[in-house]
């Protein structure tokens, strides 16, 4: 839980929104790689975020 406290709330919200958007089906197929790369970048920069969700 300490790792989660170190993650800014804006990053957590952005991460959650990206996942919601990806699951919604409204992502342009040409842009899905961008959404996936954003998620991967956040998971790389904040390793504890994946377990916290």
PDB file of N, CA and C in Angstrom:
ATOM      1  N   UNK A   1       0.812  -1.192   0.000  1.00  0.00           N
ATOM      2  CA  UNK A   1       0.000   0.000   0.000  1.00  0.00           C
ATOM      3  C   UNK A   1       0.859   1.261   0.000  1.00  0.00           C
ATOM      4  N   UNK A   2       2.070   1.183   0.516  1.00  0.00           N
ATOM      5  CA  UNK A   2       2.956   2.344   0.507  1.00  0.00           C
ATOM      6  C   UNK A   2       3.271   2.793  -0.910  1.00  0.00           C
ATOM      7  N   UNK A   3       3.434   1.835  -1.810  1.00  0.00           N
ATOM      8  CA  UNK A   3       3.732   2.197  -3.193  1.00  0.00           C
ATOM      9  C   UNK A   3       2.578   2.984  -3.801  1.00  0.00           C
ATOM     10  N   UNK A   4       1.363   2.597  -3.502  1.00  0.00           N
ATOM     11  CA  UNK A   4       0.198   3.287  -4.058  1.00  0.00           C
ATOM     12  C   UNK A   4       0.149   4.723  -3.564  1.00  0.00           C
ATOM     13  N   UNK A   5       0.503   4.953  -2.313  1.00  0.00           N
ATOM     14  CA  UNK A   5       0.501   6.306  -1.770  1.00  0.00           C
ATOM     15  C   UNK A   5       1.522   7.199  -2.461  1.00  0.00           C
ATOM     16  N   UNK A   6       2.560   6.604  -3.038  1.00  0.00           N
ATOM     17  CA  UNK A   6       3.593   7.371  -3.725  1.00  0.00           C
ATOM     18  C   UNK A   6       3.183   7.736  -5.152  1.00  0.00           C
ATOM     19  N   UNK A   7       2.095   7.174  -5.643  1.00  0.00           N
ATOM     20  CA  UNK A   7       1.638   7.428  -7.008  1.00  0.00           C
ATOM     21  C   UNK A   7       0.645   8.588  -6.975  1.00  0.00           C
ATOM     22  N   UNK A   8       0.902   9.629  -7.758  1.00  0.00           N
ATOM     23  CA  UNK A   8      -0.028  10.765  -7.784  1.00  0.00           C
ATOM     24  C   UNK A   8      -1.426  10.337  -8.234  1.00  0.00           C
ATOM     25  N   UNK A   9      -2.425  10.942  -7.623  1.00  0.00           N
ATOM     26  CA  UNK A   9      -3.815  10.589  -7.929  1.00  0.00           C
ATOM     27  C   UNK A   9      -4.137  10.835  -9.404  1.00  0.00           C
ATOM     28  N   UNK A  10      -3.516  11.816 -10.003  1.00  0.00           N
ATOM     29  CA  UNK A  10      -3.757  12.092 -11.430  1.00  0.00           C
ATOM     30  C   UNK A  10      -3.305  10.925 -12.297  1.00  0.00           C
ATOM     31  N   UNK A  11      -2.194  10.307 -11.916  1.00  0.00           N
ATOM     32  CA  UNK A  11      -1.674   9.167 -12.678  1.00  0.00           C
ATOM     33  C   UNK A  11      -2.624   7.977 -12.531  1.00  0.00           C
ATOM     34  N   UNK A  12      -3.088   7.741 -11.314  1.00  0.00           N
ATOM     35  CA  UNK A  12      -4.028   6.642 -11.077  1.00  0.00           C
ATOM     36  C   UNK A  12      -5.306   6.850 -11.884  1.00  0.00           C
ATOM     37  N   UNK A  13      -5.823   8.070 -11.874  1.00  0.00           N
ATOM     38  CA  UNK A  13      -7.043   8.364 -12.638  1.00  0.00           C
ATOM     39  C   UNK A  13      -6.827   8.180 -14.133  1.00  0.00           C
ATOM     40  N   UNK A  14      -5.698   8.647 -14.644  1.00  0.00           N
ATOM     41  CA  UNK A  14      -5.391   8.503 -16.066  1.00  0.00           C
ATOM     42  C   UNK A  14      -5.281   7.020 -16.436  1.00  0.00           C
ATOM     43  N   UNK A  15      -4.606   6.260 -15.593  1.00  0.00           N
ATOM     44  CA  UNK A  15      -4.441   4.819 -15.811  1.00  0.00           C
ATOM     45  C   UNK A  15      -5.804   4.127 -15.861  1.00  0.00           C
ATOM     46  N   UNK A  16      -6.665   4.436 -14.895  1.00  0.00           N
ATOM     47  CA  UNK A  16      -7.999   3.835 -14.861  1.00  0.00           C
ATOM     48  C   UNK A  16      -8.827   4.249 -16.071  1.00  0.00           C
ATOM     49  N   UNK A  17      -8.738   5.506 -16.472  1.00  0.00           N
ATOM     50  CA  UNK A  17      -9.471   5.986 -17.645  1.00  0.00           C
ATOM     51  C   UNK A  17      -9.000   5.307 -18.918  1.00  0.00           C
ATOM     52  N   UNK A  18      -7.705   5.096 -19.054  1.00  0.00           N
ATOM     53  CA  UNK A  18      -7.178   4.398 -20.228  1.00  0.00           C
ATOM     54  C   UNK A  18      -7.746   2.980 -20.308  1.00  0.00           C
ATOM     55  N   UNK A  19      -7.791   2.292 -19.169  1.00  0.00           N
ATOM     56  CA  UNK A  19      -8.342   0.938 -19.157  1.00  0.00           C
ATOM     57  C   UNK A  19      -9.830   0.947 -19.501  1.00  0.00           C
ATOM     58  N   UNK A  20     -10.574   1.887 -18.951  1.00  0.00           N
ATOM     59  CA  UNK A  20     -12.006   1.986 -19.267  1.00  0.00           C
ATOM     60  C   UNK A  20     -12.213   2.255 -20.757  1.00  0.00           C
ATOM     61  N   UNK A  21     -11.418   3.177 -21.294  1.00  0.00           N
ATOM     62  CA  UNK A  21     -11.526   3.531 -22.703  1.00  0.00           C
ATOM     63  C   UNK A  21     -11.189   2.336 -23.583  1.00  0.00           C
ATOM     64  N   UNK A  22     -10.132   1.609 -23.215  1.00  0.00           N
ATOM     65  CA  UNK A  22      -9.729   0.438 -23.988  1.00  0.00           C
ATOM     66  C   UNK A  22     -10.831  -0.620 -23.998  1.00  0.00           C
ATOM     67  N   UNK A  23     -11.476  -0.828 -22.848  1.00  0.00           N
ATOM     68  CA  UNK A  23     -12.524  -1.849 -22.735  1.00  0.00           C
ATOM     69  C   UNK A  23     -13.853  -1.407 -23.355  1.00  0.00           C
ATOM     70  N   UNK A  24     -14.021  -0.107 -23.577  1.00  0.00           N
ATOM     71  CA  UNK A  24     -15.303   0.418 -24.054  1.00  0.00           C
ATOM     72  C   UNK A  24     -15.619   0.022 -25.490  1.00  0.00           C
ATOM     73  N   UNK A  25     -14.591  -0.212 -26.283  1.00  0.00           N
ATOM     74  CA  UNK A  25     -14.806  -0.530 -27.679  1.00  0.00           C
ATOM     75  C   UNK A  25     -14.868   0.695 -28.576  1.00  0.00           C
ATOM     76  N   UNK A  26     -14.721   1.885 -27.998  1.00  0.00           N
ATOM     77  CA  UNK A  26     -14.780   3.120 -28.777  1.00  0.00           C
ATOM     78  C   UNK A  26     -13.425   3.574 -29.299  1.00  0.00           C
ATOM     79  N   UNK A  27     -12.395   2.793 -29.055  1.00  0.00           N
ATOM     80  CA  UNK A  27     -11.052   3.164 -29.495  1.00  0.00           C
ATOM     81  C   UNK A  27     -10.918   2.856 -30.980  1.00  0.00           C
ATOM     82  N   UNK A  28     -10.466   3.848 -31.713  1.00  0.00           N
ATOM     83  CA  UNK A  28     -10.175   3.655 -33.127  1.00  0.00           C
ATOM     84  C   UNK A  28      -9.098   2.572 -33.236  1.00  0.00           C
ATOM     85  N   UNK A  29      -9.315   1.541 -34.045  1.00  0.00           N
ATOM     86  CA  UNK A  29      -8.330   0.459 -34.159  1.00  0.00           C
ATOM     87  C   UNK A  29      -6.922   0.963 -34.509  1.00  0.00           C
ATOM     88  N   UNK A  30      -6.858   2.069 -35.206  1.00  0.00           N
ATOM     89  CA  UNK A  30      -5.550   2.618 -35.560  1.00  0.00           C
ATOM     90  C   UNK A  30      -4.854   3.249 -34.356  1.00  0.00           C
ATOM     91  N   UNK A  31      -5.597   3.525 -33.293  1.00  0.00           N
ATOM     92  CA  UNK A  31      -5.044   4.191 -32.111  1.00  0.00           C
ATOM     93  C   UNK A  31      -4.882   3.269 -30.908  1.00  0.00           C
ATOM     94  N   UNK A  32      -5.322   2.018 -31.017  1.00  0.00           N
ATOM     95  CA  UNK A  32      -5.273   1.114 -29.867  1.00  0.00           C
ATOM     96  C   UNK A  32      -3.849   0.888 -29.383  1.00  0.00           C
ATOM     97  N   UNK A  33      -2.882   0.881 -30.296  1.00  0.00           N
ATOM     98  CA  UNK A  33      -1.489   0.707 -29.879  1.00  0.00           C
ATOM     99  C   UNK A  33      -1.020   1.872 -29.019  1.00  0.00           C
ATOM    100  N   UNK A  34      -1.507   3.066 -29.298  1.00  0.00           N
ATOM    101  CA  UNK A  34      -1.159   4.225 -28.487  1.00  0.00           C
ATOM    102  C   UNK A  34      -1.696   4.063 -27.066  1.00  0.00           C
ATOM    103  N   UNK A  35      -2.937   3.608 -26.955  1.00  0.00           N
ATOM    104  CA  UNK A  35      -3.543   3.406 -25.630  1.00  0.00           C
ATOM    105  C   UNK A  35      -2.767   2.339 -24.868  1.00  0.00           C
ATOM    106  N   UNK A  36      -2.448   1.253 -25.531  1.00  0.00           N
ATOM    107  CA  UNK A  36      -1.671   0.184 -24.885  1.00  0.00           C
ATOM    108  C   UNK A  36      -0.285   0.663 -24.468  1.00  0.00           C
ATOM    109  N   UNK A  37       0.348   1.473 -25.292  1.00  0.00           N
ATOM    110  CA  UNK A  37       1.685   1.962 -24.941  1.00  0.00           C
ATOM    111  C   UNK A  37       1.625   2.940 -23.775  1.00  0.00           C
ATOM    112  N   UNK A  38       0.565   3.737 -23.691  1.00  0.00           N
ATOM    113  CA  UNK A  38       0.379   4.631 -22.540  1.00  0.00           C
ATOM    114  C   UNK A  38       0.233   3.821 -21.255  1.00  0.00           C
ATOM    115  N   UNK A  39      -0.576   2.773 -21.308  1.00  0.00           N
ATOM    116  CA  UNK A  39      -0.761   1.908 -20.144  1.00  0.00           C
ATOM    117  C   UNK A  39       0.566   1.265 -19.755  1.00  0.00           C
ATOM    118  N   UNK A  40       1.287   0.751 -20.726  1.00  0.00           N
ATOM    119  CA  UNK A  40       2.576   0.108 -20.452  1.00  0.00           C
ATOM    120  C   UNK A  40       3.580   1.098 -19.864  1.00  0.00           C
ATOM    121  N   UNK A  41       3.587   2.318 -20.354  1.00  0.00           N
ATOM    122  CA  UNK A  41       4.510   3.332 -19.842  1.00  0.00           C
ATOM    123  C   UNK A  41       4.212   3.638 -18.372  1.00  0.00           C
ATOM    124  N   UNK A  42       2.932   3.771 -18.037  1.00  0.00           N
ATOM    125  CA  UNK A  42       2.563   4.045 -16.647  1.00  0.00           C
ATOM    126  C   UNK A  42       2.945   2.866 -15.761  1.00  0.00           C
ATOM    127  N   UNK A  43       2.704   1.647 -16.230  1.00  0.00           N
ATOM    128  CA  UNK A  43       3.055   0.458 -15.448  1.00  0.00           C
ATOM    129  C   UNK A  43       4.566   0.351 -15.261  1.00  0.00           C
ATOM    130  N   UNK A  44       5.318   0.801 -16.241  1.00  0.00           N
ATOM    131  CA  UNK A  44       6.780   0.776 -16.124  1.00  0.00           C
ATOM    132  C   UNK A  44       7.263   1.831 -15.135  1.00  0.00           C
ATOM    133  N   UNK A  45       6.695   3.030 -15.226  1.00  0.00           N
ATOM    134  CA  UNK A  45       7.138   4.132 -14.376  1.00  0.00           C
ATOM    135  C   UNK A  45       6.638   4.011 -12.937  1.00  0.00           C
ATOM    136  N   UNK A  46       5.505   3.344 -12.747  1.00  0.00           N
ATOM    137  CA  UNK A  46       4.904   3.168 -11.420  1.00  0.00           C
ATOM    138  C   UNK A  46       4.567   1.688 -11.241  1.00  0.00           C
ATOM    139  N   UNK A  47       5.562   0.862 -10.905  1.00  0.00           N
ATOM    140  CA  UNK A  47       5.359  -0.592 -10.853  1.00  0.00           C
ATOM    141  C   UNK A  47       4.241  -1.041  -9.909  1.00  0.00           C
ATOM    142  N   UNK A  48       3.944  -0.299  -8.858  1.00  0.00           N
ATOM    143  CA  UNK A  48       2.935  -0.717  -7.912  1.00  0.00           C
ATOM    144  C   UNK A  48       1.510  -0.468  -8.374  1.00  0.00           C
ATOM    145  N   UNK A  49       1.325   0.237  -9.471  1.00  0.00           N
ATOM    146  CA  UNK A  49      -0.023   0.619  -9.893  1.00  0.00           C
ATOM    147  C   UNK A  49      -0.844  -0.585 -10.348  1.00  0.00           C
ATOM    148  N   UNK A  50      -0.220  -1.548 -10.953  1.00  0.00           N
ATOM    149  CA  UNK A  50      -0.953  -2.706 -11.481  1.00  0.00           C
ATOM    150  C   UNK A  50      -1.542  -3.537 -10.342  1.00  0.00           C
ATOM    151  N   UNK A  51      -0.775  -3.740  -9.281  1.00  0.00           N
ATOM    152  CA  UNK A  51      -1.250  -4.538  -8.147  1.00  0.00           C
ATOM    153  C   UNK A  51      -2.318  -3.794  -7.361  1.00  0.00           C
ATOM    154  N   UNK A  52      -2.259  -2.471  -7.381  1.00  0.00           N
ATOM    155  CA  UNK A  52      -3.188  -1.655  -6.597  1.00  0.00           C
ATOM    156  C   UNK A  52      -4.588  -1.629  -7.196  1.00  0.00           C
ATOM    157  N   UNK A  53      -4.720  -1.979  -8.448  1.00  0.00           N
ATOM    158  CA  UNK A  53      -6.021  -1.873  -9.117  1.00  0.00           C
ATOM    159  C   UNK A  53      -6.873  -3.060  -8.906  1.00  0.00           C
TER     160      UNK A  53
END
